[in-house]
């Protein structure tokens, strides 16, 4: 979100707001520098207003394969976390995103979904993780779609996700009607209630599919972050490392509005936000 939207949200007392450090670059072709500058200041506003941000890693899996590119989601979450901390956001306000987007016809796909969801939950234990429903592989078959959404809800309750966005059985058919949304809520309530404490009863086999997959994704994430550190984040984005979308460093909308600050430049709000957020951190808001 832009800083102006963050201010509006703060005035209106929003609980949460979409705010991703790279989404605008990748999916809206906004200039990199413009995006990073806007996102940093808007996150300072969100932190000061105590608004939970929602990041957009789930969108990566709409343009890239959810299995092959799972590590890019985790890598982006680490980057979003670092930028959020730099802006003064504590973990409790970081709604890091991911999604249930593996091909439903893939054998043991549900186990892989569990691996990805559990990995995110364990890496960021204090963050209110945002979990998105299946969209890419929804075909218009409302019966299969409703079942896929139920499996998504089961994965969520089993891995203790936090912010649950509900899947619509009419995804890929039309804009959901009120009754579609009602069925989605009914679906989620049933699964969340009947499996409420399932996560306390389940242990993953040390050498099983879930643990092995989580280990592999984490290793691939480490290699990717090392690569990003080596060439720099702008170059990594330009090379299409995230969401299989490349954007030129000097291109994108809004580039003409970016300029260097002079010696007499002053943003009193940024300085005051930074001071007050430091005070909060010192007082124990982690």
C-alpha atoms as a PDB file:
ATOM      1  CA  UNK A   1       0.000   0.000   0.000  1.00  0.00           C
ATOM      2  CA  UNK A   2       1.046   3.601  -0.511  1.00  0.00           C
ATOM      3  CA  UNK A   3       1.685   5.868   2.448  1.00  0.00           C
ATOM      4  CA  UNK A   4      -1.516   7.817   1.739  1.00  0.00           C
ATOM      5  CA  UNK A   5      -3.545   4.608   1.993  1.00  0.00           C
ATOM      6  CA  UNK A   6      -1.756   3.641   5.211  1.00  0.00           C
ATOM      7  CA  UNK A   7      -2.712   6.988   6.744  1.00  0.00           C
ATOM      8  CA  UNK A   8      -6.323   6.540   5.651  1.00  0.00           C
ATOM      9  CA  UNK A   9      -6.349   3.050   7.151  1.00  0.00           C
ATOM     10  CA  UNK A  10      -4.914   4.376  10.403  1.00  0.00           C
ATOM     11  CA  UNK A  11      -7.620   7.057  10.601  1.00  0.00           C
ATOM     12  CA  UNK A  12     -10.293   4.405  10.017  1.00  0.00           C
ATOM     13  CA  UNK A  13      -8.844   2.040  12.623  1.00  0.00           C
ATOM     14  CA  UNK A  14      -8.167  -0.904  10.298  1.00  0.00           C
ATOM     15  CA  UNK A  15      -7.024  -4.175  11.856  1.00  0.00           C
ATOM     16  CA  UNK A  16      -4.923  -5.193   8.850  1.00  0.00           C
ATOM     17  CA  UNK A  17      -3.810  -3.938   5.470  1.00  0.00           C
ATOM     18  CA  UNK A  18      -2.086  -5.362   2.396  1.00  0.00           C
ATOM     19  CA  UNK A  19       1.535  -4.220   2.351  1.00  0.00           C
ATOM     20  CA  UNK A  20       4.237  -6.089   0.454  1.00  0.00           C
ATOM     21  CA  UNK A  21       7.748  -4.863  -0.282  1.00  0.00           C
ATOM     22  CA  UNK A  22       7.874  -6.340  -3.801  1.00  0.00           C
ATOM     23  CA  UNK A  23       4.298  -6.948  -4.997  1.00  0.00           C
ATOM     24  CA  UNK A  24       4.003  -3.578  -6.736  1.00  0.00           C
ATOM     25  CA  UNK A  25       7.244  -4.195  -8.603  1.00  0.00           C
ATOM     26  CA  UNK A  26       6.396  -7.695  -9.775  1.00  0.00           C
ATOM     27  CA  UNK A  27       2.681  -7.531 -10.481  1.00  0.00           C
ATOM     28  CA  UNK A  28       2.024  -3.828 -11.129  1.00  0.00           C
ATOM     29  CA  UNK A  29       5.317  -2.858 -12.794  1.00  0.00           C
ATOM     30  CA  UNK A  30       5.982   0.002 -10.380  1.00  0.00           C
ATOM     31  CA  UNK A  31       9.553   1.283 -10.255  1.00  0.00           C
ATOM     32  CA  UNK A  32      11.734  -0.546  -7.714  1.00  0.00           C
ATOM     33  CA  UNK A  33      13.085   2.502  -5.919  1.00  0.00           C
ATOM     34  CA  UNK A  34       9.646   4.086  -5.811  1.00  0.00           C
ATOM     35  CA  UNK A  35       8.166   0.899  -4.347  1.00  0.00           C
ATOM     36  CA  UNK A  36      10.822   0.347  -1.683  1.00  0.00           C
ATOM     37  CA  UNK A  37      10.631   3.988  -0.558  1.00  0.00           C
ATOM     38  CA  UNK A  38       6.831   4.030  -0.422  1.00  0.00           C
ATOM     39  CA  UNK A  39       6.600   0.665   1.301  1.00  0.00           C
ATOM     40  CA  UNK A  40       9.144   1.583   3.966  1.00  0.00           C
ATOM     41  CA  UNK A  41       7.335   4.743   5.010  1.00  0.00           C
ATOM     42  CA  UNK A  42       3.889   3.144   4.783  1.00  0.00           C
ATOM     43  CA  UNK A  43       5.105   0.350   7.055  1.00  0.00           C
ATOM     44  CA  UNK A  44       6.296   2.895   9.578  1.00  0.00           C
ATOM     45  CA  UNK A  45       2.759   4.282   9.571  1.00  0.00           C
ATOM     46  CA  UNK A  46       1.279   0.786   9.924  1.00  0.00           C
ATOM     47  CA  UNK A  47       3.617   0.049  12.824  1.00  0.00           C
ATOM     48  CA  UNK A  48       2.738   3.291  14.587  1.00  0.00           C
ATOM     49  CA  UNK A  49      -0.993   2.661  14.048  1.00  0.00           C
ATOM     50  CA  UNK A  50      -0.676  -0.974  15.191  1.00  0.00           C
ATOM     51  CA  UNK A  51      -2.023  -2.333  11.888  1.00  0.00           C
ATOM     52  CA  UNK A  52      -1.152  -5.892  10.835  1.00  0.00           C
ATOM     53  CA  UNK A  53       0.358  -5.961   7.358  1.00  0.00           C
ATOM     54  CA  UNK A  54      -0.437  -8.741   4.879  1.00  0.00           C
ATOM     55  CA  UNK A  55       2.321  -9.617   2.412  1.00  0.00           C
ATOM     56  CA  UNK A  56       1.653 -11.070  -1.034  1.00  0.00           C
ATOM     57  CA  UNK A  57       3.835 -14.135  -1.489  1.00  0.00           C
ATOM     58  CA  UNK A  58       0.708 -16.135  -2.287  1.00  0.00           C
ATOM     59  CA  UNK A  59       0.599 -14.321  -5.628  1.00  0.00           C
ATOM     60  CA  UNK A  60       3.929 -15.864  -6.639  1.00  0.00           C
ATOM     61  CA  UNK A  61       2.224 -19.232  -6.924  1.00  0.00           C
ATOM     62  CA  UNK A  62      -0.314 -17.955  -9.426  1.00  0.00           C
ATOM     63  CA  UNK A  63       2.448 -17.409 -11.986  1.00  0.00           C
ATOM     64  CA  UNK A  64       4.965 -20.069 -10.914  1.00  0.00           C
ATOM     65  CA  UNK A  65       4.650 -23.729  -9.909  1.00  0.00           C
ATOM     66  CA  UNK A  66       3.845 -24.159  -6.213  1.00  0.00           C
ATOM     67  CA  UNK A  67       6.253 -27.076  -5.810  1.00  0.00           C
ATOM     68  CA  UNK A  68       9.171 -25.974  -7.961  1.00  0.00           C
ATOM     69  CA  UNK A  69       9.103 -22.408  -6.634  1.00  0.00           C
ATOM     70  CA  UNK A  70       8.118 -22.987  -2.995  1.00  0.00           C
ATOM     71  CA  UNK A  71      11.512 -21.753  -1.843  1.00  0.00           C
ATOM     72  CA  UNK A  72      10.920 -18.356  -3.488  1.00  0.00           C
ATOM     73  CA  UNK A  73       7.948 -17.854  -1.172  1.00  0.00           C
ATOM     74  CA  UNK A  74      10.035 -18.513   1.944  1.00  0.00           C
ATOM     75  CA  UNK A  75      12.881 -16.342   0.637  1.00  0.00           C
ATOM     76  CA  UNK A  76      10.478 -13.475   0.009  1.00  0.00           C
ATOM     77  CA  UNK A  77       9.015 -13.887   3.491  1.00  0.00           C
ATOM     78  CA  UNK A  78      12.487 -13.504   4.998  1.00  0.00           C
ATOM     79  CA  UNK A  79      13.024 -10.368   2.893  1.00  0.00           C
ATOM     80  CA  UNK A  80       9.628  -8.955   3.850  1.00  0.00           C
ATOM     81  CA  UNK A  81      10.370  -9.703   7.501  1.00  0.00           C
ATOM     82  CA  UNK A  82      13.723  -7.895   7.326  1.00  0.00           C
ATOM     83  CA  UNK A  83      12.187  -4.847   5.675  1.00  0.00           C
ATOM     84  CA  UNK A  84       9.318  -4.855   8.160  1.00  0.00           C
ATOM     85  CA  UNK A  85      11.729  -4.919  11.098  1.00  0.00           C
ATOM     86  CA  UNK A  86      13.684  -2.073   9.529  1.00  0.00           C
ATOM     87  CA  UNK A  87      10.474  -0.035   9.431  1.00  0.00           C
ATOM     88  CA  UNK A  88       9.732  -0.750  13.097  1.00  0.00           C
ATOM     89  CA  UNK A  89       7.096  -3.482  12.735  1.00  0.00           C
ATOM     90  CA  UNK A  90       7.227  -6.166  15.446  1.00  0.00           C
ATOM     91  CA  UNK A  91       6.594  -9.817  14.435  1.00  0.00           C
ATOM     92  CA  UNK A  92       3.040  -9.711  15.821  1.00  0.00           C
ATOM     93  CA  UNK A  93       2.146  -7.267  13.023  1.00  0.00           C
ATOM     94  CA  UNK A  94       3.741  -9.249  10.180  1.00  0.00           C
ATOM     95  CA  UNK A  95       1.046 -11.187   8.325  1.00  0.00           C
ATOM     96  CA  UNK A  96       3.444 -13.032   6.034  1.00  0.00           C
ATOM     97  CA  UNK A  97       1.598 -14.676   3.160  1.00  0.00           C
ATOM     98  CA  UNK A  98       1.602 -18.023   1.389  1.00  0.00           C
ATOM     99  CA  UNK A  99      -0.956 -20.207  -0.359  1.00  0.00           C
ATOM    100  CA  UNK A 100      -2.459 -23.657  -0.932  1.00  0.00           C
ATOM    101  CA  UNK A 101      -1.745 -23.833  -4.683  1.00  0.00           C
ATOM    102  CA  UNK A 102      -0.301 -27.282  -5.491  1.00  0.00           C
ATOM    103  CA  UNK A 103      -1.967 -29.131  -8.380  1.00  0.00           C
ATOM    104  CA  UNK A 104      -4.773 -31.171  -6.728  1.00  0.00           C
ATOM    105  CA  UNK A 105      -4.107 -34.070  -9.107  1.00  0.00           C
ATOM    106  CA  UNK A 106      -0.538 -34.469  -7.868  1.00  0.00           C
ATOM    107  CA  UNK A 107       0.037 -37.593  -5.760  1.00  0.00           C
ATOM    108  CA  UNK A 108       0.690 -36.721  -2.108  1.00  0.00           C
ATOM    109  CA  UNK A 109       0.098 -33.070  -2.929  1.00  0.00           C
ATOM    110  CA  UNK A 110      -1.641 -32.572   0.408  1.00  0.00           C
ATOM    111  CA  UNK A 111       1.468 -33.784   2.239  1.00  0.00           C
ATOM    112  CA  UNK A 112       3.543 -31.245   0.347  1.00  0.00           C
ATOM    113  CA  UNK A 113       1.042 -28.526   1.270  1.00  0.00           C
ATOM    114  CA  UNK A 114       1.384 -29.538   4.919  1.00  0.00           C
ATOM    115  CA  UNK A 115       5.169 -29.371   4.618  1.00  0.00           C
ATOM    116  CA  UNK A 116       5.065 -25.860   3.202  1.00  0.00           C
ATOM    117  CA  UNK A 117       2.508 -24.591   5.729  1.00  0.00           C
ATOM    118  CA  UNK A 118       4.240 -26.166   8.722  1.00  0.00           C
ATOM    119  CA  UNK A 119       7.604 -24.813   7.585  1.00  0.00           C
ATOM    120  CA  UNK A 120       6.272 -21.265   7.403  1.00  0.00           C
ATOM    121  CA  UNK A 121       4.610 -21.627  10.795  1.00  0.00           C
ATOM    122  CA  UNK A 122       7.807 -22.839  12.473  1.00  0.00           C
ATOM    123  CA  UNK A 123      10.122 -20.303  10.833  1.00  0.00           C
ATOM    124  CA  UNK A 124       7.932 -17.381  11.897  1.00  0.00           C
ATOM    125  CA  UNK A 125       6.345 -18.550  15.188  1.00  0.00           C
ATOM    126  CA  UNK A 126       5.325 -15.068  16.354  1.00  0.00           C
ATOM    127  CA  UNK A 127       3.873 -13.829  13.067  1.00  0.00           C
ATOM    128  CA  UNK A 128       0.140 -13.968  12.243  1.00  0.00           C
ATOM    129  CA  UNK A 129       0.643 -16.021   9.070  1.00  0.00           C
ATOM    130  CA  UNK A 130      -1.753 -15.248   6.193  1.00  0.00           C
ATOM    131  CA  UNK A 131      -2.907 -18.365   4.329  1.00  0.00           C
ATOM    132  CA  UNK A 132      -4.574 -18.061   0.921  1.00  0.00           C
ATOM    133  CA  UNK A 133      -6.980 -20.632  -0.600  1.00  0.00           C
ATOM    134  CA  UNK A 134      -6.565 -22.461  -3.919  1.00  0.00           C
ATOM    135  CA  UNK A 135      -7.263 -20.376  -7.013  1.00  0.00           C
ATOM    136  CA  UNK A 136      -4.893 -21.414  -9.790  1.00  0.00           C
ATOM    137  CA  UNK A 137      -6.269 -24.946 -10.135  1.00  0.00           C
ATOM    138  CA  UNK A 138      -9.932 -24.127  -9.604  1.00  0.00           C
ATOM    139  CA  UNK A 139     -11.676 -25.187 -12.811  1.00  0.00           C
ATOM    140  CA  UNK A 140     -15.310 -24.262 -12.290  1.00  0.00           C
ATOM    141  CA  UNK A 141     -16.217 -27.707 -10.940  1.00  0.00           C
ATOM    142  CA  UNK A 142     -17.928 -26.427  -7.802  1.00  0.00           C
ATOM    143  CA  UNK A 143     -18.041 -29.825  -6.100  1.00  0.00           C
ATOM    144  CA  UNK A 144     -14.318 -30.480  -6.449  1.00  0.00           C
ATOM    145  CA  UNK A 145     -13.650 -26.846  -5.633  1.00  0.00           C
ATOM    146  CA  UNK A 146     -15.598 -27.050  -2.386  1.00  0.00           C
ATOM    147  CA  UNK A 147     -13.631 -30.168  -1.451  1.00  0.00           C
ATOM    148  CA  UNK A 148     -10.325 -28.466  -2.281  1.00  0.00           C
ATOM    149  CA  UNK A 149     -11.309 -25.608   0.002  1.00  0.00           C
ATOM    150  CA  UNK A 150     -12.085 -28.090   2.781  1.00  0.00           C
ATOM    151  CA  UNK A 151      -8.624 -29.645   2.370  1.00  0.00           C
ATOM    152  CA  UNK A 152      -7.157 -26.150   2.501  1.00  0.00           C
ATOM    153  CA  UNK A 153      -9.037 -25.479   5.739  1.00  0.00           C
ATOM    154  CA  UNK A 154      -7.775 -28.779   7.157  1.00  0.00           C
ATOM    155  CA  UNK A 155      -4.173 -27.898   6.286  1.00  0.00           C
ATOM    156  CA  UNK A 156      -4.663 -24.560   8.013  1.00  0.00           C
ATOM    157  CA  UNK A 157      -6.015 -25.898  11.289  1.00  0.00           C
ATOM    158  CA  UNK A 158      -3.465 -28.723  11.303  1.00  0.00           C
ATOM    159  CA  UNK A 159      -0.535 -26.302  10.974  1.00  0.00           C
ATOM    160  CA  UNK A 160      -1.929 -23.495  13.144  1.00  0.00           C
ATOM    161  CA  UNK A 161      -2.154 -20.770  10.521  1.00  0.00           C
ATOM    162  CA  UNK A 162      -3.423 -17.384  11.683  1.00  0.00           C
ATOM    163  CA  UNK A 163      -5.172 -15.249   9.053  1.00  0.00           C
ATOM    164  CA  UNK A 164      -7.446 -17.463   6.980  1.00  0.00           C
ATOM    165  CA  UNK A 165      -8.793 -16.269   3.645  1.00  0.00           C
ATOM    166  CA  UNK A 166     -11.676 -18.479   2.582  1.00  0.00           C
ATOM    167  CA  UNK A 167     -11.938 -20.205  -0.766  1.00  0.00           C
ATOM    168  CA  UNK A 168     -15.057 -19.832  -2.912  1.00  0.00           C
ATOM    169  CA  UNK A 169     -16.563 -22.875  -4.604  1.00  0.00           C
ATOM    170  CA  UNK A 170     -17.452 -20.651  -7.584  1.00  0.00           C
ATOM    171  CA  UNK A 171     -13.863 -19.504  -8.096  1.00  0.00           C
ATOM    172  CA  UNK A 172     -13.180 -19.355 -11.867  1.00  0.00           C
ATOM    173  CA  UNK A 173     -16.943 -19.187 -12.531  1.00  0.00           C
ATOM    174  CA  UNK A 174     -18.147 -15.751 -11.428  1.00  0.00           C
ATOM    175  CA  UNK A 175     -17.789 -13.155  -8.706  1.00  0.00           C
ATOM    176  CA  UNK A 176     -19.013 -14.958  -5.569  1.00  0.00           C
ATOM    177  CA  UNK A 177     -22.598 -14.423  -4.486  1.00  0.00           C
ATOM    178  CA  UNK A 178     -23.546 -13.949  -0.846  1.00  0.00           C
ATOM    179  CA  UNK A 179     -24.643 -17.596  -0.668  1.00  0.00           C
ATOM    180  CA  UNK A 180     -21.227 -18.689  -1.998  1.00  0.00           C
ATOM    181  CA  UNK A 181     -19.550 -16.764   0.782  1.00  0.00           C
ATOM    182  CA  UNK A 182     -21.943 -18.268   3.315  1.00  0.00           C
ATOM    183  CA  UNK A 183     -21.017 -21.780   2.176  1.00  0.00           C
ATOM    184  CA  UNK A 184     -17.323 -20.899   2.462  1.00  0.00           C
ATOM    185  CA  UNK A 185     -17.815 -19.777   6.064  1.00  0.00           C
ATOM    186  CA  UNK A 186     -19.842 -22.915   6.833  1.00  0.00           C
ATOM    187  CA  UNK A 187     -17.081 -25.075   5.332  1.00  0.00           C
ATOM    188  CA  UNK A 188     -14.371 -23.389   7.400  1.00  0.00           C
ATOM    189  CA  UNK A 189     -16.377 -23.468  10.628  1.00  0.00           C
ATOM    190  CA  UNK A 190     -17.043 -27.179  10.255  1.00  0.00           C
ATOM    191  CA  UNK A 191     -13.395 -28.089   9.614  1.00  0.00           C
ATOM    192  CA  UNK A 192     -12.000 -25.714  12.224  1.00  0.00           C
ATOM    193  CA  UNK A 193     -14.390 -27.052  14.859  1.00  0.00           C
ATOM    194  CA  UNK A 194     -14.133 -30.768  14.156  1.00  0.00           C
ATOM    195  CA  UNK A 195     -10.304 -30.657  13.883  1.00  0.00           C
ATOM    196  CA  UNK A 196      -9.704 -27.881  16.403  1.00  0.00           C
ATOM    197  CA  UNK A 197      -6.904 -29.580  18.358  1.00  0.00           C
ATOM    198  CA  UNK A 198      -5.669 -31.997  15.703  1.00  0.00           C
ATOM    199  CA  UNK A 199      -2.242 -30.328  15.575  1.00  0.00           C
ATOM    200  CA  UNK A 200      -1.618 -31.389  19.188  1.00  0.00           C
ATOM    201  CA  UNK A 201      -2.100 -35.047  18.260  1.00  0.00           C
ATOM    202  CA  UNK A 202      -0.034 -35.219  15.068  1.00  0.00           C
ATOM    203  CA  UNK A 203       3.715 -35.829  14.817  1.00  0.00           C
ATOM    204  CA  UNK A 204       5.459 -35.941  11.455  1.00  0.00           C
ATOM    205  CA  UNK A 205       7.742 -38.915  10.752  1.00  0.00           C
ATOM    206  CA  UNK A 206      11.418 -37.798  10.881  1.00  0.00           C
ATOM    207  CA  UNK A 207      12.144 -39.346   7.473  1.00  0.00           C
ATOM    208  CA  UNK A 208       8.641 -38.936   6.066  1.00  0.00           C
ATOM    209  CA  UNK A 209       7.401 -36.975   3.084  1.00  0.00           C
ATOM    210  CA  UNK A 210       6.498 -33.863   5.085  1.00  0.00           C
ATOM    211  CA  UNK A 211       9.802 -33.540   6.954  1.00  0.00           C
ATOM    212  CA  UNK A 212      11.897 -34.390   3.896  1.00  0.00           C
ATOM    213  CA  UNK A 213      10.063 -31.849   1.780  1.00  0.00           C
ATOM    214  CA  UNK A 214      10.394 -29.124   4.416  1.00  0.00           C
ATOM    215  CA  UNK A 215      14.135 -29.773   4.687  1.00  0.00           C
ATOM    216  CA  UNK A 216      14.550 -29.527   0.924  1.00  0.00           C
ATOM    217  CA  UNK A 217      12.598 -26.278   0.624  1.00  0.00           C
ATOM    218  CA  UNK A 218      14.614 -24.731   3.451  1.00  0.00           C
ATOM    219  CA  UNK A 219      17.888 -25.731   1.771  1.00  0.00           C
ATOM    220  CA  UNK A 220      16.727 -24.244  -1.541  1.00  0.00           C
ATOM    221  CA  UNK A 221      15.677 -21.081   0.284  1.00  0.00           C
ATOM    222  CA  UNK A 222      19.131 -20.742   1.835  1.00  0.00           C
ATOM    223  CA  UNK A 223      20.795 -21.082  -1.564  1.00  0.00           C
ATOM    224  CA  UNK A 224      18.460 -18.530  -3.101  1.00  0.00           C
ATOM    225  CA  UNK A 225      19.018 -15.973  -0.344  1.00  0.00           C
ATOM    226  CA  UNK A 226      22.770 -16.442  -0.684  1.00  0.00           C
ATOM    227  CA  UNK A 227      22.398 -15.743  -4.398  1.00  0.00           C
ATOM    228  CA  UNK A 228      20.280 -12.652  -3.724  1.00  0.00           C
ATOM    229  CA  UNK A 229      22.860 -11.417  -1.213  1.00  0.00           C
ATOM    230  CA  UNK A 230      25.580 -11.930  -3.812  1.00  0.00           C
ATOM    231  CA  UNK A 231      23.985 -10.044  -6.710  1.00  0.00           C
ATOM    232  CA  UNK A 232      21.687  -7.703  -4.777  1.00  0.00           C
ATOM    233  CA  UNK A 233      17.901  -7.655  -4.500  1.00  0.00           C
ATOM    234  CA  UNK A 234      17.271  -5.352  -7.502  1.00  0.00           C
ATOM    235  CA  UNK A 235      19.356  -7.587  -9.770  1.00  0.00           C
ATOM    236  CA  UNK A 236      17.567 -10.679  -8.434  1.00  0.00           C
ATOM    237  CA  UNK A 237      14.191  -9.139  -9.243  1.00  0.00           C
ATOM    238  CA  UNK A 238      15.405  -8.126 -12.699  1.00  0.00           C
ATOM    239  CA  UNK A 239      16.558 -11.707 -13.301  1.00  0.00           C
ATOM    240  CA  UNK A 240      13.077 -13.054 -12.513  1.00  0.00           C
ATOM    241  CA  UNK A 241      14.006 -14.861  -9.314  1.00  0.00           C
ATOM    242  CA  UNK A 242      10.594 -14.119  -7.761  1.00  0.00           C
ATOM    243  CA  UNK A 243       7.269 -15.284  -9.254  1.00  0.00           C
ATOM    244  CA  UNK A 244       9.069 -16.003 -12.548  1.00  0.00           C
ATOM    245  CA  UNK A 245       8.617 -12.315 -13.408  1.00  0.00           C
ATOM    246  CA  UNK A 246      11.530 -10.040 -14.272  1.00  0.00           C
ATOM    247  CA  UNK A 247      11.399  -6.239 -14.010  1.00  0.00           C
ATOM    248  CA  UNK A 248      14.152  -3.806 -15.109  1.00  0.00           C
ATOM    249  CA  UNK A 249      15.897  -1.943 -12.306  1.00  0.00           C
ATOM    250  CA  UNK A 250      15.451   1.466 -13.932  1.00  0.00           C
ATOM    251  CA  UNK A 251      12.014   0.795 -15.407  1.00  0.00           C
ATOM    252  CA  UNK A 252       8.476   0.722 -14.109  1.00  0.00           C
ATOM    253  CA  UNK A 253       5.796   3.275 -13.347  1.00  0.00           C
ATOM    254  CA  UNK A 254       6.615   6.216 -11.113  1.00  0.00           C
ATOM    255  CA  UNK A 255      10.359   6.315 -11.794  1.00  0.00           C
ATOM    256  CA  UNK A 256      10.183  10.004 -12.672  1.00  0.00           C
ATOM    257  CA  UNK A 257       8.896  10.773  -9.188  1.00  0.00           C
ATOM    258  CA  UNK A 258      12.017   9.433  -7.452  1.00  0.00           C
ATOM    259  CA  UNK A 259      14.758  11.941  -6.610  1.00  0.00           C
ATOM    260  CA  UNK A 260      17.697  12.217  -4.250  1.00  0.00           C
ATOM    261  CA  UNK A 261      17.103  14.060  -0.997  1.00  0.00           C
ATOM    262  CA  UNK A 262      19.070  17.239  -0.477  1.00  0.00           C
ATOM    263  CA  UNK A 263      20.882  18.421   2.623  1.00  0.00           C
ATOM    264  CA  UNK A 264      17.872  20.500   3.685  1.00  0.00           C
ATOM    265  CA  UNK A 265      15.335  17.698   3.162  1.00  0.00           C
ATOM    266  CA  UNK A 266      13.191  17.003   6.202  1.00  0.00           C
ATOM    267  CA  UNK A 267      10.422  14.510   6.841  1.00  0.00           C
ATOM    268  CA  UNK A 268       9.410  15.197  10.450  1.00  0.00           C
ATOM    269  CA  UNK A 269       6.893  12.362  10.437  1.00  0.00           C
ATOM    270  CA  UNK A 270       9.490   9.739   9.528  1.00  0.00           C
ATOM    271  CA  UNK A 271      11.849  10.983  12.231  1.00  0.00           C
ATOM    272  CA  UNK A 272       9.092  11.086  14.853  1.00  0.00           C
ATOM    273  CA  UNK A 273       7.711   7.671  13.897  1.00  0.00           C
ATOM    274  CA  UNK A 274      11.215   6.191  14.070  1.00  0.00           C
ATOM    275  CA  UNK A 275      11.799   7.689  17.522  1.00  0.00           C
ATOM    276  CA  UNK A 276       8.487   6.505  18.951  1.00  0.00           C
ATOM    277  CA  UNK A 277       8.823   3.026  17.435  1.00  0.00           C
ATOM    278  CA  UNK A 278      12.296   2.713  18.957  1.00  0.00           C
ATOM    279  CA  UNK A 279      10.807   3.648  22.316  1.00  0.00           C
ATOM    280  CA  UNK A 280       8.132   0.959  21.923  1.00  0.00           C
ATOM    281  CA  UNK A 281      10.775  -1.618  21.067  1.00  0.00           C
ATOM    282  CA  UNK A 282      12.781  -0.646  24.135  1.00  0.00           C
ATOM    283  CA  UNK A 283       9.652  -1.057  26.251  1.00  0.00           C
ATOM    284  CA  UNK A 284       9.249  -4.654  25.083  1.00  0.00           C
ATOM    285  CA  UNK A 285       7.086  -4.711  21.925  1.00  0.00           C
ATOM    286  CA  UNK A 286       8.939  -7.304  19.904  1.00  0.00           C
END
